[in-house]
Structure formats: structure tokens, C-alpha cells
Amino acid sequence: MKKINILGICGSPRKDGATQLALKIVLDDISSISEIFAVDAWTVHGKKISPCIHCDACIRARSMCVIKDDHKEIEQKILNADAIIMASPVYDMNISAQLAAVLSRMRPIYMVHSGILENKVGAAITTGGTRYGGMETAKYPIINFFLMNGMLVTGGGGSCYLGGSIWSQDKKSQGTREDFVGLETLRQLAKTVAKAAVISTLGKDALSRQGEIIGNFA
């Protein structure tokens, strides 16, 4: 079986914070499940990511975003991934401004790479300083990005319907290590993402061998 590419995107501008560690834990768990998984992590920390300015240059040129900055790095990684796990700290019950910029800049993907993300797997992780301070609501912008691109969204089963959640108590990475309830949601999420990615990859491979059926979906 070919390698399954699992991409983790950390939306925290902090280095070695709660969000980055939470994402690392999930990616490490997935790696430990099987050698078929190739994991890759990317962070907004230290990157220059300008927001979308709605100039519509991408529409006119039928190209990905024309702004020259570090977004090009993550753009290609997103295109190549079989599963994408996005992690963000909670800012006012929402994702970070940096991650929001990453997502908005992917706007032209429907036109330039039509359907490239369809039936790939997506999952969300959020970390917050308070236990009930918006960790679930902050997952929705991430999940919405997955849904509008036809991706298959998975949570962590019964213990974390929408994805992984860490209560950091504003202690950065130490807070992640101390949140035993949250750590269990990460472990469950790793299992569901890995399983879904295998099913998705095998399903797409099987479908590609059925040319007549694929034609009916065009």
C-alpha cells in the first residue's frame, strides 16, 4: 500500500506552545500505528502570511493567490495531503488570525485544482486557557473549510465529537501535558484520523479502477 500523507497545520504564532504540542502528540500517535503513514507538520510561527485582500487577482488569472509570502509553502502541502489535521489556539471563541489567513488564501482552490481535496480526511484540534471558553466553536471555521472542499470530517468518537480539545490553563505546553482529559481526546482523534485516512485512500484507489462508475460522478 502506498504511503498515506498526514499533514498537521499548527495555527499558533507561539513556538513550543500548547497547540503545537497537542498537534505533535496526535501526529506521533498516528506514526506509531503503522509505517504506512507519512506525517508532516507545518506551523504559522515565524511565517509571513498576509490576509486575503479580496483583490480578485486569482479569479482574473485563474491562479492560486498572487500575494508573495510564505503561504506558498502550506498551499502545496495541503494539495499533497491525504488527511489534514488543523490545530488552533482559541482567540475570542475563534481560530487564530494567522490560521484564518491561511484558509482564506486557499479561496481559489475550487477553480485551479477543482475537486483535489474531495474525500480526503480532515480533523480539528483547539486549545484554550479555559475549559469551556470556545474550544468547540473555534473548531467550526476549520470544519467549514473541510466541508466546503468536499472533505470527510472526523472527530474522536464518543469522547470528542468535533475533535481534540486541550485546556491549557494558559500554561503553554505544560498545560497540555497536565490536561489528562484533553490528552485522551487527542489519542482518540489520532485513531479515528488514521482509520479514516486508510478507508479514504483504499476507497479512492478502488474507485479509480472503476472507470465507468467514475464517469457517472463527473
C-alpha atoms as a PDB file:
ATOM      1  CA  MET A   1       0.000   0.000   0.000  1.00  0.00           C
ATOM      2  CA  LYS A   2       1.288   3.468  -0.828  1.00  0.00           C
ATOM      3  CA  LYS A   3       2.238   5.918   1.890  1.00  0.00           C
ATOM      4  CA  ILE A   4      -0.641   7.954   3.311  1.00  0.00           C
ATOM      5  CA  ASN A   5       0.349  11.586   3.843  1.00  0.00           C
ATOM      6  CA  ILE A   6      -0.948  13.119   7.074  1.00  0.00           C
ATOM      7  CA  LEU A   7      -0.450  16.878   7.312  1.00  0.00           C
ATOM      8  CA  GLY A   8      -0.628  18.743  10.609  1.00  0.00           C
ATOM      9  CA  ILE A   9      -1.075  22.520  10.494  1.00  0.00           C
ATOM     10  CA  CYS A  10      -0.400  24.470  13.688  1.00  0.00           C
ATOM     11  CA  GLY A  11      -2.225  27.791  13.736  1.00  0.00           C
ATOM     12  CA  SER A  12      -0.481  29.148  16.825  1.00  0.00           C
ATOM     13  CA  PRO A  13       2.004  32.013  16.404  1.00  0.00           C
ATOM     14  CA  ARG A  14       3.762  30.802  19.562  1.00  0.00           C
ATOM     15  CA  LYS A  15       6.742  28.472  19.472  1.00  0.00           C
ATOM     16  CA  ASP A  16       6.508  25.290  21.555  1.00  0.00           C
ATOM     17  CA  GLY A  17       3.109  26.234  22.955  1.00  0.00           C
ATOM     18  CA  ALA A  18       0.090  24.147  23.958  1.00  0.00           C
ATOM     19  CA  THR A  19      -1.265  23.914  20.406  1.00  0.00           C
ATOM     20  CA  GLN A  20       1.980  22.799  18.811  1.00  0.00           C
ATOM     21  CA  LEU A  21       2.446  20.068  21.420  1.00  0.00           C
ATOM     22  CA  ALA A  22      -1.158  18.883  21.066  1.00  0.00           C
ATOM     23  CA  LEU A  23      -0.697  18.512  17.315  1.00  0.00           C
ATOM     24  CA  LYS A  24       2.632  16.726  17.780  1.00  0.00           C
ATOM     25  CA  ILE A  25       1.034  14.204  20.129  1.00  0.00           C
ATOM     26  CA  VAL A  26      -1.602  13.315  17.533  1.00  0.00           C
ATOM     27  CA  LEU A  27       0.916  13.044  14.696  1.00  0.00           C
ATOM     28  CA  ASP A  28       3.264  10.915  16.819  1.00  0.00           C
ATOM     29  CA  ASP A  29       0.391   8.602  17.755  1.00  0.00           C
ATOM     30  CA  ILE A  30      -0.562   8.193  14.096  1.00  0.00           C
ATOM     31  CA  SER A  31       3.062   7.414  13.187  1.00  0.00           C
ATOM     32  CA  SER A  32       3.149   4.721  15.855  1.00  0.00           C
ATOM     33  CA  ILE A  33       0.093   2.965  14.415  1.00  0.00           C
ATOM     34  CA  SER A  34       1.713   1.941  11.134  1.00  0.00           C
ATOM     35  CA  GLU A  35       4.626   2.679   8.832  1.00  0.00           C
ATOM     36  CA  ILE A  36       2.193   3.431   6.019  1.00  0.00           C
ATOM     37  CA  PHE A  37       1.637   6.896   7.487  1.00  0.00           C
ATOM     38  CA  ALA A  38       3.999   9.703   6.488  1.00  0.00           C
ATOM     39  CA  VAL A  39       3.381  12.638   8.832  1.00  0.00           C
ATOM     40  CA  ASP A  40       4.401  16.228   8.245  1.00  0.00           C
ATOM     41  CA  ALA A  41       3.937  19.276  10.472  1.00  0.00           C
ATOM     42  CA  TRP A  42       3.824  22.941   9.484  1.00  0.00           C
ATOM     43  CA  THR A  43       3.326  25.972  11.713  1.00  0.00           C
ATOM     44  CA  VAL A  44       2.412  29.602  11.177  1.00  0.00           C
ATOM     45  CA  HIS A  45       5.030  30.535  13.780  1.00  0.00           C
ATOM     46  CA  GLY A  46       7.701  32.702  12.197  1.00  0.00           C
ATOM     47  CA  LYS A  47       5.881  32.793   8.853  1.00  0.00           C
ATOM     48  CA  LYS A  48       4.687  35.810   6.921  1.00  0.00           C
ATOM     49  CA  ILE A  49       1.079  35.106   5.935  1.00  0.00           C
ATOM     50  CA  SER A  50      -0.834  38.124   4.703  1.00  0.00           C
ATOM     51  CA  PRO A  51      -4.645  38.071   4.827  1.00  0.00           C
ATOM     52  CA  CYS A  52      -6.769  37.807   1.706  1.00  0.00           C
ATOM     53  CA  ILE A  53      -7.471  41.347   0.442  1.00  0.00           C
ATOM     54  CA  HIS A  54     -10.240  40.265  -1.954  1.00  0.00           C
ATOM     55  CA  CYS A  55      -8.400  41.772  -4.925  1.00  0.00           C
ATOM     56  CA  ASP A  56      -9.799  39.018  -7.190  1.00  0.00           C
ATOM     57  CA  ALA A  57      -6.454  38.707  -8.988  1.00  0.00           C
ATOM     58  CA  CYS A  58      -6.721  34.943  -8.518  1.00  0.00           C
ATOM     59  CA  ILE A  59     -10.098  34.935 -10.272  1.00  0.00           C
ATOM     60  CA  ARG A  60      -8.868  37.006 -13.194  1.00  0.00           C
ATOM     61  CA  ALA A  61      -5.684  34.955 -13.625  1.00  0.00           C
ATOM     62  CA  ARG A  62      -7.332  31.647 -12.686  1.00  0.00           C
ATOM     63  CA  SER A  63      -4.431  31.008 -10.342  1.00  0.00           C
ATOM     64  CA  MET A  64      -3.777  30.441  -6.673  1.00  0.00           C
ATOM     65  CA  CYS A  65      -3.202  33.543  -4.544  1.00  0.00           C
ATOM     66  CA  VAL A  66      -0.804  36.006  -6.186  1.00  0.00           C
ATOM     67  CA  ILE A  67       0.464  37.526  -2.923  1.00  0.00           C
ATOM     68  CA  LYS A  68       4.145  36.649  -2.489  1.00  0.00           C
ATOM     69  CA  ASP A  69       4.801  35.326   1.009  1.00  0.00           C
ATOM     70  CA  ASP A  70       5.145  32.091   2.982  1.00  0.00           C
ATOM     71  CA  HIS A  71       1.636  30.899   2.132  1.00  0.00           C
ATOM     72  CA  LYS A  72       3.015  29.088  -0.924  1.00  0.00           C
ATOM     73  CA  GLU A  73       4.693  26.577   1.435  1.00  0.00           C
ATOM     74  CA  ILE A  74       1.468  25.420   3.028  1.00  0.00           C
ATOM     75  CA  GLU A  75      -0.523  25.641  -0.198  1.00  0.00           C
ATOM     76  CA  GLN A  76       1.499  22.832  -1.766  1.00  0.00           C
ATOM     77  CA  LYS A  77       1.428  20.720   1.386  1.00  0.00           C
ATOM     78  CA  ILE A  78      -2.375  20.970   1.519  1.00  0.00           C
ATOM     79  CA  LEU A  79      -2.641  19.858  -2.108  1.00  0.00           C
ATOM     80  CA  ASN A  80      -0.425  16.815  -1.482  1.00  0.00           C
ATOM     81  CA  ALA A  81      -2.007  15.644   1.798  1.00  0.00           C
ATOM     82  CA  ASP A  82      -4.330  12.658   2.146  1.00  0.00           C
ATOM     83  CA  ALA A  83      -5.508  13.859   5.560  1.00  0.00           C
ATOM     84  CA  ILE A  84      -5.219  17.268   7.205  1.00  0.00           C
ATOM     85  CA  ILE A  85      -5.304  17.999  10.932  1.00  0.00           C
ATOM     86  CA  MET A  86      -5.571  21.683  11.792  1.00  0.00           C
ATOM     87  CA  ALA A  87      -4.858  22.913  15.291  1.00  0.00           C
ATOM     88  CA  SER A  88      -5.514  26.393  16.657  1.00  0.00           C
ATOM     89  CA  PRO A  89      -5.500  28.239  19.947  1.00  0.00           C
ATOM     90  CA  VAL A  90      -8.817  29.808  20.830  1.00  0.00           C
ATOM     91  CA  TYR A  91      -8.918  33.568  20.263  1.00  0.00           C
ATOM     92  CA  ASP A  92     -12.265  35.088  21.263  1.00  0.00           C
ATOM     93  CA  MET A  93     -14.069  31.784  20.599  1.00  0.00           C
ATOM     94  CA  ASN A  94     -12.485  31.571  17.135  1.00  0.00           C
ATOM     95  CA  ILE A  95      -9.326  30.371  15.404  1.00  0.00           C
ATOM     96  CA  SER A  96      -6.156  32.451  15.309  1.00  0.00           C
ATOM     97  CA  ALA A  97      -5.865  35.288  12.794  1.00  0.00           C
ATOM     98  CA  GLN A  98      -2.892  33.525  11.264  1.00  0.00           C
ATOM     99  CA  LEU A  99      -4.797  30.310  10.567  1.00  0.00           C
ATOM    100  CA  ALA A 100      -7.773  32.300   9.274  1.00  0.00           C
ATOM    101  CA  ALA A 101      -5.427  33.946   6.773  1.00  0.00           C
ATOM    102  CA  VAL A 102      -4.122  30.557   5.650  1.00  0.00           C
ATOM    103  CA  LEU A 103      -7.655  29.327   4.985  1.00  0.00           C
ATOM    104  CA  SER A 104      -8.922  32.451   3.239  1.00  0.00           C
ATOM    105  CA  ARG A 105      -5.907  32.471   0.944  1.00  0.00           C
ATOM    106  CA  MET A 106      -6.870  28.968  -0.253  1.00  0.00           C
ATOM    107  CA  ARG A 107     -10.001  30.506  -1.799  1.00  0.00           C
ATOM    108  CA  PRO A 108      -9.065  29.802  -5.483  1.00  0.00           C
ATOM    109  CA  ILE A 109      -8.515  26.073  -4.921  1.00  0.00           C
ATOM    110  CA  TYR A 110     -12.011  25.240  -6.240  1.00  0.00           C
ATOM    111  CA  MET A 111     -11.098  26.848  -9.561  1.00  0.00           C
ATOM    112  CA  VAL A 112      -7.415  25.967 -10.006  1.00  0.00           C
ATOM    113  CA  HIS A 113      -7.436  22.459  -8.508  1.00  0.00           C
ATOM    114  CA  SER A 114     -11.095  21.503  -8.775  1.00  0.00           C
ATOM    115  CA  GLY A 115     -12.030  18.581  -6.525  1.00  0.00           C
ATOM    116  CA  ILE A 116      -8.473  17.878  -5.367  1.00  0.00           C
ATOM    117  CA  LEU A 117      -9.489  17.752  -1.685  1.00  0.00           C
ATOM    118  CA  GLU A 118     -12.694  15.775  -2.188  1.00  0.00           C
ATOM    119  CA  ASN A 119     -12.957  12.719   0.074  1.00  0.00           C
ATOM    120  CA  LYS A 120      -9.692  13.432   1.843  1.00  0.00           C
ATOM    121  CA  VAL A 121      -9.869  13.415   5.646  1.00  0.00           C
ATOM    122  CA  GLY A 122      -9.997  16.486   7.871  1.00  0.00           C
ATOM    123  CA  ALA A 123      -9.860  16.909  11.652  1.00  0.00           C
ATOM    124  CA  ALA A 124      -9.609  19.770  14.129  1.00  0.00           C
ATOM    125  CA  ILE A 125      -7.813  20.444  17.420  1.00  0.00           C
ATOM    126  CA  THR A 126      -8.309  23.513  19.588  1.00  0.00           C
ATOM    127  CA  THR A 127      -6.573  24.626  22.770  1.00  0.00           C
ATOM    128  CA  GLY A 128      -7.904  27.171  25.230  1.00  0.00           C
ATOM    129  CA  GLY A 129      -6.962  28.792  28.502  1.00  0.00           C
ATOM    130  CA  THR A 130     -10.374  27.959  29.969  1.00  0.00           C
ATOM    131  CA  ARG A 131     -12.130  24.592  29.794  1.00  0.00           C
ATOM    132  CA  TYR A 132     -15.356  25.953  28.287  1.00  0.00           C
ATOM    133  CA  GLY A 133     -14.054  29.103  26.628  1.00  0.00           C
ATOM    134  CA  GLY A 134     -14.830  28.391  22.993  1.00  0.00           C
ATOM    135  CA  MET A 135     -12.881  25.252  22.133  1.00  0.00           C
ATOM    136  CA  GLU A 136     -15.843  23.765  20.270  1.00  0.00           C
ATOM    137  CA  THR A 137     -16.943  26.947  18.497  1.00  0.00           C
ATOM    138  CA  ALA A 138     -13.381  27.562  17.315  1.00  0.00           C
ATOM    139  CA  LYS A 139     -13.420  24.218  15.530  1.00  0.00           C
ATOM    140  CA  TYR A 140     -16.238  25.280  13.208  1.00  0.00           C
ATOM    141  CA  PRO A 141     -14.170  27.531  10.874  1.00  0.00           C
ATOM    142  CA  ILE A 142     -11.750  24.628  10.402  1.00  0.00           C
ATOM    143  CA  ILE A 143     -14.535  22.117   9.847  1.00  0.00           C
ATOM    144  CA  ASN A 144     -16.297  24.528   7.470  1.00  0.00           C
ATOM    145  CA  PHE A 145     -13.149  24.719   5.331  1.00  0.00           C
ATOM    146  CA  PHE A 146     -13.112  20.925   5.116  1.00  0.00           C
ATOM    147  CA  LEU A 147     -16.798  20.689   4.278  1.00  0.00           C
ATOM    148  CA  MET A 148     -16.782  23.329   1.552  1.00  0.00           C
ATOM    149  CA  ASN A 149     -13.964  21.413  -0.154  1.00  0.00           C
ATOM    150  CA  GLY A 150     -15.817  18.104  -0.010  1.00  0.00           C
ATOM    151  CA  MET A 151     -13.583  16.561   2.633  1.00  0.00           C
ATOM    152  CA  LEU A 152     -14.586  13.849   5.080  1.00  0.00           C
ATOM    153  CA  VAL A 153     -14.562  15.304   8.598  1.00  0.00           C
ATOM    154  CA  THR A 154     -13.869  13.055  11.555  1.00  0.00           C
ATOM    155  CA  GLY A 155     -13.901  13.657  15.292  1.00  0.00           C
ATOM    156  CA  GLY A 156     -12.649  11.404  18.029  1.00  0.00           C
ATOM    157  CA  GLY A 157     -15.679   9.256  18.681  1.00  0.00           C
ATOM    158  CA  GLY A 158     -17.718   9.432  21.857  1.00  0.00           C
ATOM    159  CA  SER A 159     -15.204  11.383  23.891  1.00  0.00           C
ATOM    160  CA  CYS A 160     -14.723  14.262  21.446  1.00  0.00           C
ATOM    161  CA  TYR A 161     -17.367  14.624  18.764  1.00  0.00           C
ATOM    162  CA  LEU A 162     -15.816  17.617  16.978  1.00  0.00           C
ATOM    163  CA  GLY A 163     -12.142  16.798  17.516  1.00  0.00           C
ATOM    164  CA  GLY A 164      -9.383  17.158  20.081  1.00  0.00           C
ATOM    165  CA  SER A 165      -9.562  19.760  22.864  1.00  0.00           C
ATOM    166  CA  ILE A 166      -6.893  20.849  25.320  1.00  0.00           C
ATOM    167  CA  TRP A 167      -7.408  23.021  28.391  1.00  0.00           C
ATOM    168  CA  SER A 168      -4.027  24.703  28.709  1.00  0.00           C
ATOM    169  CA  GLN A 169      -4.842  26.918  31.709  1.00  0.00           C
ATOM    170  CA  ASP A 170      -2.569  29.416  29.922  1.00  0.00           C
ATOM    171  CA  LYS A 171       0.455  27.305  30.873  1.00  0.00           C
ATOM    172  CA  LYS A 172       1.552  26.738  27.261  1.00  0.00           C
ATOM    173  CA  SER A 173       2.948  23.232  26.617  1.00  0.00           C
ATOM    174  CA  GLN A 174       2.897  22.394  30.339  1.00  0.00           C
ATOM    175  CA  GLY A 175      -0.864  22.925  30.269  1.00  0.00           C
ATOM    176  CA  THR A 176      -1.208  20.350  27.511  1.00  0.00           C
ATOM    177  CA  ARG A 177       0.764  17.786  29.494  1.00  0.00           C
ATOM    178  CA  GLU A 178      -1.380  18.371  32.591  1.00  0.00           C
ATOM    179  CA  ASP A 179      -4.777  18.072  30.873  1.00  0.00           C
ATOM    180  CA  PHE A 180      -5.379  14.339  31.164  1.00  0.00           C
ATOM    181  CA  VAL A 181      -8.950  14.600  29.905  1.00  0.00           C
ATOM    182  CA  GLY A 182      -7.796  16.559  26.882  1.00  0.00           C
ATOM    183  CA  LEU A 183      -4.944  14.150  26.181  1.00  0.00           C
ATOM    184  CA  GLU A 184      -7.460  11.341  25.861  1.00  0.00           C
ATOM    185  CA  THR A 185      -9.317  13.301  23.163  1.00  0.00           C
ATOM    186  CA  LEU A 186      -6.044  13.584  21.242  1.00  0.00           C
ATOM    187  CA  ARG A 187      -5.418   9.845  21.479  1.00  0.00           C
ATOM    188  CA  GLN A 188      -8.915   9.092  20.231  1.00  0.00           C
ATOM    189  CA  LEU A 189      -8.569  11.601  17.414  1.00  0.00           C
ATOM    190  CA  ALA A 190      -5.313  10.021  16.241  1.00  0.00           C
ATOM    191  CA  LYS A 191      -7.049   6.649  15.924  1.00  0.00           C
ATOM    192  CA  THR A 192     -10.066   7.966  14.026  1.00  0.00           C
ATOM    193  CA  VAL A 193      -7.971  10.062  11.626  1.00  0.00           C
ATOM    194  CA  ALA A 194      -5.674   7.136  10.876  1.00  0.00           C
ATOM    195  CA  LYS A 195      -8.575   4.762  10.272  1.00  0.00           C
ATOM    196  CA  ALA A 196     -10.482   7.261   8.133  1.00  0.00           C
ATOM    197  CA  ALA A 197      -7.383   8.033   6.062  1.00  0.00           C
ATOM    198  CA  VAL A 198      -6.864   4.350   5.280  1.00  0.00           C
ATOM    199  CA  ILE A 199     -10.520   3.890   4.329  1.00  0.00           C
ATOM    200  CA  SER A 200     -10.480   7.027   2.182  1.00  0.00           C
ATOM    201  CA  THR A 201      -7.277   6.046   0.386  1.00  0.00           C
ATOM    202  CA  LEU A 202      -8.381   2.465  -0.269  1.00  0.00           C
ATOM    203  CA  GLY A 203     -11.800   3.668  -1.395  1.00  0.00           C
ATOM    204  CA  LYS A 204     -10.360   6.153  -3.877  1.00  0.00           C
ATOM    205  CA  ASP A 205      -7.957   3.535  -5.220  1.00  0.00           C
ATOM    206  CA  ALA A 206     -10.831   1.096  -5.725  1.00  0.00           C
ATOM    207  CA  LEU A 207     -12.973   3.755  -7.369  1.00  0.00           C
ATOM    208  CA  SER A 208     -10.171   4.732  -9.761  1.00  0.00           C
ATOM    209  CA  ARG A 209     -10.219   1.175 -11.117  1.00  0.00           C
ATOM    210  CA  GLN A 210     -13.896   1.528 -11.967  1.00  0.00           C
ATOM    211  CA  GLY A 211     -13.722   3.920 -14.906  1.00  0.00           C
ATOM    212  CA  GLU A 212     -17.376   3.565 -15.830  1.00  0.00           C
ATOM    213  CA  ILE A 213     -18.534   4.414 -12.312  1.00  0.00           C
ATOM    214  CA  ILE A 214     -16.243   7.429 -12.097  1.00  0.00           C
ATOM    215  CA  GLY A 215     -17.729   8.707 -15.344  1.00  0.00           C
ATOM    216  CA  ASN A 216     -21.157   8.711 -13.728  1.00  0.00           C
ATOM    217  CA  PHE A 217     -19.869  11.050 -10.984  1.00  0.00           C
ATOM    218  CA  ALA A 218     -18.386  13.592 -13.387  1.00  0.00           C
END
